[in-house]
Amino acid sequence: MEAWTPQQLVREYRFRFKKRFGQNFISDKNLLQSIVQDAGVTPGNWVLEIGPGLGTLTRAAAEAGAQVTAIEIDRELTAILKEHLDPASVTVVEGDALQLDWAQVLEKSGWHGQPLQMVANLPYYITTPLVMKALECGLPFRSVTVMVQHEVALRMAAEPGTGDYGILSLVVQYYAKPQLCRVVSAHSFFPKPDVDSAVMRLDVRAQPPVAAPKEELFTVIKGGFSQRRKKLRNALKQVLKEWNLDAASLDGILENLDIDVNVRGEALALEQFSQITEALLALRTDV
């Protein structure tokens, strides 16, 4: 029988794990099929995969009918992938996914601007930068379905007032609608990681859900969480100073929006941050 499990492939190719790349490969074949289903991969889809490892998820996506472009940083793994995956349905690219121009990579694979999906078991040490690149790069992603640390998944999907809620929650929810599809035990990987994981699907929004300009909105959000346990009026002191505003201006805005002037950033929803940002911009005198 053709090798497909990480254990079989490691033995067959005498692969040497490299700790610096955070290599933990999915060893549960049923889980691979579930991830492809969670992502909604169907025949004719274009899939970008980051960190394919030994290609087990790559193969599952290709077998579902997708055309897959897989970016792998490990030269040894790239050689293995090119040897045991079908080049008719999978293009393997060696390189650092954070540094590469994804549009160029895809175009060289034969992509011509069709809607995209990302499906990946992401290296956990660079999960957030990779997710944010997918959401901000301007490519027509319909969804981003990724295996991440369970605690990161909880932060992405968190609601206001919860312990997991923070900047990541708000920024991800600005770009996409998050759905935690399934929690995954560490026993589903080889080698076994130290933490449990989760499959997270982010359905990318066609338009932002709020009206405030993105750059200024993110400035206010980041300022609001700069000192998490402080009241918003104190946490935003630096932003207010840079915009030639004072705490009294913010207090008046909060009162007009029927928000407690003693509120902390962790209690505010994205829409409220947007309303506050728009009101501050209307008073701003430094531009």
Protein backbone atom coordinates (compact mmCIF):
# COMPACT_ATOMS: atom_id res chain seq x y z
CA MET A 1 0.00 0.00 0.00
CA GLU A 2 1.27 3.47 -0.86
CA ALA A 3 2.61 5.36 2.14
CA TRP A 4 0.38 8.21 3.34
CA THR A 5 0.83 8.55 7.12
CA PRO A 6 3.54 10.84 8.49
CA GLN A 7 5.08 7.86 10.26
CA GLN A 8 5.32 5.87 7.01
CA LEU A 9 6.64 8.81 5.04
CA VAL A 10 9.22 9.70 7.69
CA ARG A 11 10.53 6.13 7.58
CA GLU A 12 10.42 5.90 3.79
CA TYR A 13 12.29 9.15 3.20
CA ARG A 14 14.37 9.09 6.42
CA PHE A 15 13.11 12.57 7.12
CA ARG A 16 14.82 14.60 9.85
CA PHE A 17 12.51 16.87 11.87
CA LYS A 18 13.62 20.50 12.20
CA LYS A 19 12.35 22.04 15.41
CA ARG A 20 12.82 25.60 14.11
CA PHE A 21 10.01 25.03 11.60
CA GLY A 22 7.46 23.77 14.14
CA GLN A 23 6.84 20.51 12.27
CA ASN A 24 3.83 18.58 13.63
CA PHE A 25 2.06 16.57 10.93
CA ILE A 26 -1.55 15.37 11.01
CA SER A 27 -1.58 11.59 11.50
CA ASP A 28 -5.38 11.01 11.52
CA LYS A 29 -6.71 10.29 8.02
CA ASN A 30 -10.33 10.95 9.10
CA LEU A 31 -9.29 14.35 10.43
CA LEU A 32 -7.75 15.22 7.05
CA GLN A 33 -11.06 14.50 5.34
CA SER A 34 -12.91 16.53 7.99
CA ILE A 35 -10.68 19.57 7.44
CA VAL A 36 -11.31 19.43 3.69
CA GLN A 37 -15.05 19.22 4.40
CA ASP A 38 -14.86 22.06 6.94
CA ALA A 39 -13.21 24.18 4.26
CA GLY A 40 -15.91 23.31 1.73
CA VAL A 41 -13.40 22.18 -0.90
CA THR A 42 -15.13 20.98 -4.08
CA PRO A 43 -13.93 20.06 -7.57
CA GLY A 44 -12.45 23.00 -9.45
CA ASN A 45 -11.53 25.03 -6.34
CA TRP A 46 -8.17 26.76 -6.09
CA VAL A 47 -6.45 26.14 -2.76
CA LEU A 48 -3.37 27.80 -1.31
CA GLU A 49 -1.70 25.72 1.39
CA ILE A 50 1.04 27.01 3.69
CA GLY A 51 3.35 24.50 5.34
CA PRO A 52 2.20 21.27 3.66
CA GLY A 53 4.77 19.25 5.54
CA LEU A 54 4.65 15.71 4.18
CA GLY A 55 1.63 16.50 2.02
CA THR A 56 -1.14 14.50 3.68
CA LEU A 57 -3.56 17.44 3.81
CA THR A 58 -2.38 18.50 0.35
CA ARG A 59 -3.33 15.12 -1.03
CA ALA A 60 -6.73 15.19 0.69
CA ALA A 61 -7.54 18.57 -0.87
CA ALA A 62 -6.37 17.40 -4.31
CA GLU A 63 -8.42 14.22 -4.03
CA ALA A 64 -11.47 16.43 -3.33
CA GLY A 65 -10.90 17.96 -6.77
CA ALA A 66 -8.97 21.12 -5.87
CA GLN A 67 -5.99 22.59 -7.67
CA VAL A 68 -3.48 23.10 -4.86
CA THR A 69 -0.50 25.44 -4.62
CA ALA A 70 1.57 24.45 -1.59
CA ILE A 71 4.35 26.65 -0.16
CA GLU A 72 6.95 24.81 1.92
CA ILE A 73 10.02 26.38 3.53
CA ASP A 74 11.88 23.12 4.22
CA ARG A 75 13.97 22.09 1.18
CA GLU A 76 14.01 18.45 2.27
CA LEU A 77 10.20 18.37 2.48
CA THR A 78 9.87 20.16 -0.86
CA ALA A 79 11.78 17.35 -2.53
CA ILE A 80 9.59 14.72 -0.86
CA LEU A 81 6.39 16.53 -1.85
CA LYS A 82 7.43 16.83 -5.47
CA GLU A 83 8.19 13.12 -5.55
CA HIS A 84 4.97 11.72 -4.10
CA LEU A 85 2.29 14.27 -5.12
CA ASP A 86 0.67 14.49 -8.55
CA PRO A 87 1.97 17.61 -10.37
CA ALA A 88 -1.22 17.74 -12.41
CA SER A 89 -3.17 18.82 -9.34
CA VAL A 90 -0.47 20.09 -6.96
CA THR A 91 2.20 22.74 -7.47
CA VAL A 92 4.90 22.70 -4.78
CA VAL A 93 6.82 25.93 -4.20
CA GLU A 94 9.86 26.18 -1.96
CA GLY A 95 10.13 29.38 0.05
CA ASP A 96 9.14 31.44 3.07
CA ALA A 97 5.40 32.10 2.84
CA LEU A 98 5.74 35.35 4.78
CA GLN A 99 8.23 36.71 2.25
CA LEU A 100 6.83 35.39 -1.02
CA ASP A 101 4.36 37.29 -3.21
CA TRP A 102 1.41 34.90 -3.16
CA ALA A 103 -0.17 36.35 -6.29
CA GLN A 104 3.00 35.67 -8.27
CA VAL A 105 3.29 32.16 -6.82
CA LEU A 106 -0.32 31.36 -7.76
CA GLU A 107 -0.06 32.83 -11.24
CA LYS A 108 2.98 30.65 -11.95
CA SER A 109 0.81 27.69 -10.91
CA GLY A 110 -1.76 28.55 -13.57
CA TRP A 111 -4.16 30.58 -11.43
CA HIS A 112 -6.01 33.32 -13.32
CA GLY A 113 -7.81 35.26 -10.60
CA GLN A 114 -10.44 32.71 -9.57
CA PRO A 115 -11.79 32.75 -6.01
CA LEU A 116 -9.37 31.15 -3.56
CA GLN A 117 -9.42 29.14 -0.38
CA MET A 118 -6.62 28.71 2.09
CA VAL A 119 -6.49 25.28 3.72
CA ALA A 120 -3.52 24.66 5.98
CA ASN A 121 -2.07 23.13 9.12
CA LEU A 122 -0.15 26.27 9.98
CA PRO A 123 3.20 26.33 11.77
CA TYR A 124 2.08 27.54 15.17
CA TYR A 125 4.99 29.91 15.75
CA ILE A 126 3.88 32.13 12.84
CA THR A 127 0.12 31.51 12.84
CA THR A 128 -1.03 35.08 13.36
CA PRO A 129 1.26 36.72 10.74
CA LEU A 130 0.18 34.12 8.15
CA VAL A 131 -3.54 34.54 8.89
CA MET A 132 -3.22 38.32 8.75
CA LYS A 133 -1.32 38.14 5.45
CA ALA A 134 -4.15 36.02 4.00
CA LEU A 135 -6.76 38.54 5.18
CA GLU A 136 -4.86 41.66 4.13
CA CYS A 137 -3.02 40.66 0.94
CA GLY A 138 -5.89 41.53 -1.40
CA LEU A 139 -6.23 38.10 -3.00
CA PRO A 140 -9.82 36.90 -3.54
CA PHE A 141 -9.96 34.43 -0.64
CA ARG A 142 -13.47 33.17 0.05
CA SER A 143 -12.36 31.42 3.20
CA VAL A 144 -9.30 30.66 5.29
CA THR A 145 -9.52 27.26 7.02
CA VAL A 146 -6.54 26.58 9.24
CA MET A 147 -5.36 24.36 12.04
CA VAL A 148 -4.18 26.60 14.88
CA GLN A 149 -3.54 26.34 18.59
CA HIS A 150 -6.83 25.97 20.46
CA GLU A 151 -6.19 29.11 22.49
CA VAL A 152 -5.57 31.13 19.31
CA ALA A 153 -8.84 29.86 17.82
CA LEU A 154 -10.68 30.95 20.97
CA ARG A 155 -9.15 34.42 20.70
CA MET A 156 -10.16 34.77 17.06
CA ALA A 157 -13.79 33.93 17.79
CA ALA A 158 -14.07 35.63 21.21
CA GLU A 159 -16.93 37.97 22.12
CA PRO A 160 -16.67 41.26 24.06
CA GLY A 161 -16.32 40.89 27.80
CA THR A 162 -14.66 37.48 27.71
CA GLY A 163 -11.13 36.67 28.79
CA ASP A 164 -10.05 35.67 25.27
CA TYR A 165 -11.30 38.88 23.66
CA GLY A 166 -8.67 41.28 22.39
CA ILE A 167 -7.01 42.91 19.41
CA LEU A 168 -6.79 39.64 17.45
CA SER A 169 -10.53 39.04 17.91
CA LEU A 170 -11.45 42.48 16.59
CA VAL A 171 -9.03 42.54 13.67
CA VAL A 172 -9.95 39.05 12.48
CA GLN A 173 -13.67 39.82 12.82
CA TYR A 174 -13.18 43.03 10.82
CA TYR A 175 -12.05 40.95 7.85
CA ALA A 176 -13.97 37.70 8.33
CA LYS A 177 -16.66 35.74 10.12
CA PRO A 178 -14.87 33.20 12.33
CA GLN A 179 -16.16 29.71 13.05
CA LEU A 180 -14.43 27.21 15.32
CA CYS A 181 -15.12 23.97 13.45
CA ARG A 182 -13.58 21.39 15.77
CA VAL A 183 -11.15 20.96 18.65
CA VAL A 184 -8.31 18.55 17.85
CA SER A 185 -6.36 16.49 20.37
CA ALA A 186 -2.58 16.60 20.37
CA HIS A 187 -2.73 12.83 19.77
CA SER A 188 -3.83 13.52 16.17
CA PHE A 189 -0.33 14.72 15.24
CA PHE A 190 3.11 13.22 14.69
CA PRO A 191 5.15 14.16 16.55
CA LYS A 192 2.69 15.08 19.29
CA PRO A 193 2.66 18.83 20.10
CA ASP A 194 2.44 20.20 23.62
CA VAL A 195 -0.98 21.80 23.11
CA ASP A 196 -4.41 20.95 21.74
CA SER A 197 -5.41 22.48 18.44
CA ALA A 198 -8.52 23.59 16.60
CA VAL A 199 -9.73 23.89 13.02
CA MET A 200 -10.75 27.49 12.41
CA ARG A 201 -12.69 28.66 9.36
CA LEU A 202 -12.71 32.35 8.52
CA ASP A 203 -15.29 33.32 5.90
CA VAL A 204 -13.84 36.44 4.34
CA ARG A 205 -16.19 39.42 4.18
CA ALA A 206 -16.84 41.12 0.84
CA GLN A 207 -16.95 44.48 2.66
CA PRO A 208 -15.93 45.64 6.15
CA PRO A 209 -18.83 45.40 8.62
CA VAL A 210 -18.24 48.91 10.01
CA ALA A 211 -17.83 52.38 8.52
CA ALA A 212 -14.76 53.82 10.29
CA PRO A 213 -11.57 54.07 8.19
CA LYS A 214 -9.48 50.96 8.81
CA GLU A 215 -6.18 52.61 9.73
CA GLU A 216 -7.71 54.93 12.32
CA LEU A 217 -10.05 52.22 13.61
CA PHE A 218 -7.13 49.85 14.21
CA THR A 219 -5.22 52.66 15.92
CA VAL A 220 -8.09 53.14 18.38
CA ILE A 221 -8.52 49.38 18.91
CA LYS A 222 -4.81 48.86 19.60
CA GLY A 223 -4.76 51.88 21.86
CA GLY A 224 -7.81 50.60 23.73
CA PHE A 225 -5.99 47.38 24.58
CA SER A 226 -2.55 48.90 25.18
CA GLN A 227 -3.21 48.72 28.91
CA ARG A 228 -5.88 46.08 29.18
CA ARG A 229 -7.09 46.70 32.72
CA LYS A 230 -7.26 50.49 32.31
CA LYS A 231 -10.37 52.44 31.44
CA LEU A 232 -10.63 53.39 27.79
CA ARG A 233 -10.12 57.09 28.53
CA ASN A 234 -6.74 56.27 30.10
CA ALA A 235 -5.70 53.63 27.60
CA LEU A 236 -6.32 56.05 24.71
CA LYS A 237 -4.34 58.93 26.21
CA GLN A 238 -1.55 58.67 23.64
CA VAL A 239 -3.96 58.43 20.70
CA LEU A 240 -5.94 61.42 21.98
CA LYS A 241 -2.72 63.41 22.39
CA GLU A 242 -1.57 62.59 18.84
CA TRP A 243 -4.97 63.67 17.49
CA ASN A 244 -4.98 66.92 19.56
CA LEU A 245 -7.93 65.73 21.63
CA ASP A 246 -8.49 65.33 25.35
CA ALA A 247 -10.22 62.91 27.69
CA ALA A 248 -13.22 65.22 28.00
CA SER A 249 -13.82 64.89 24.26
CA LEU A 250 -13.85 61.11 24.60
CA ASP A 251 -16.15 61.29 27.62
CA GLY A 252 -18.65 63.34 25.62
CA ILE A 253 -18.54 60.83 22.77
CA LEU A 254 -19.12 57.90 25.13
CA GLU A 255 -22.05 59.67 26.75
CA ASN A 256 -23.60 60.42 23.35
CA LEU A 257 -23.23 56.75 22.41
CA ASP A 258 -24.76 55.68 25.74
CA ILE A 259 -21.53 53.93 26.76
CA ASP A 260 -20.27 54.05 30.36
CA VAL A 261 -17.42 56.58 30.55
CA ASN A 262 -15.56 54.10 32.78
CA VAL A 263 -15.69 51.38 30.11
CA ARG A 264 -12.65 49.24 29.30
CA GLY A 265 -11.75 48.32 25.75
CA GLU A 266 -12.38 44.63 26.40
CA ALA A 267 -16.11 45.37 26.84
CA LEU A 268 -16.59 47.09 23.47
CA ALA A 269 -17.78 45.40 20.28
CA LEU A 270 -16.31 46.20 16.87
CA GLU A 271 -19.29 48.42 15.99
CA GLN A 272 -18.78 50.48 19.14
CA PHE A 273 -15.07 50.93 18.41
CA SER A 274 -16.08 52.10 14.93
CA GLN A 275 -18.59 54.60 16.30
CA ILE A 276 -16.03 55.98 18.76
CA THR A 277 -13.42 56.25 16.01
CA GLU A 278 -15.78 58.11 13.66
CA ALA A 279 -16.76 60.54 16.42
CA LEU A 280 -13.10 61.18 17.37
CA LEU A 281 -12.22 61.80 13.72
CA ALA A 282 -15.00 64.38 13.49
CA LEU A 283 -13.33 66.31 16.31
CA ARG A 284 -9.75 65.73 15.23
CA THR A 285 -7.75 68.95 14.70
CA ASP A 286 -4.28 67.63 13.78
CA VAL A 287 -5.08 67.06 10.10
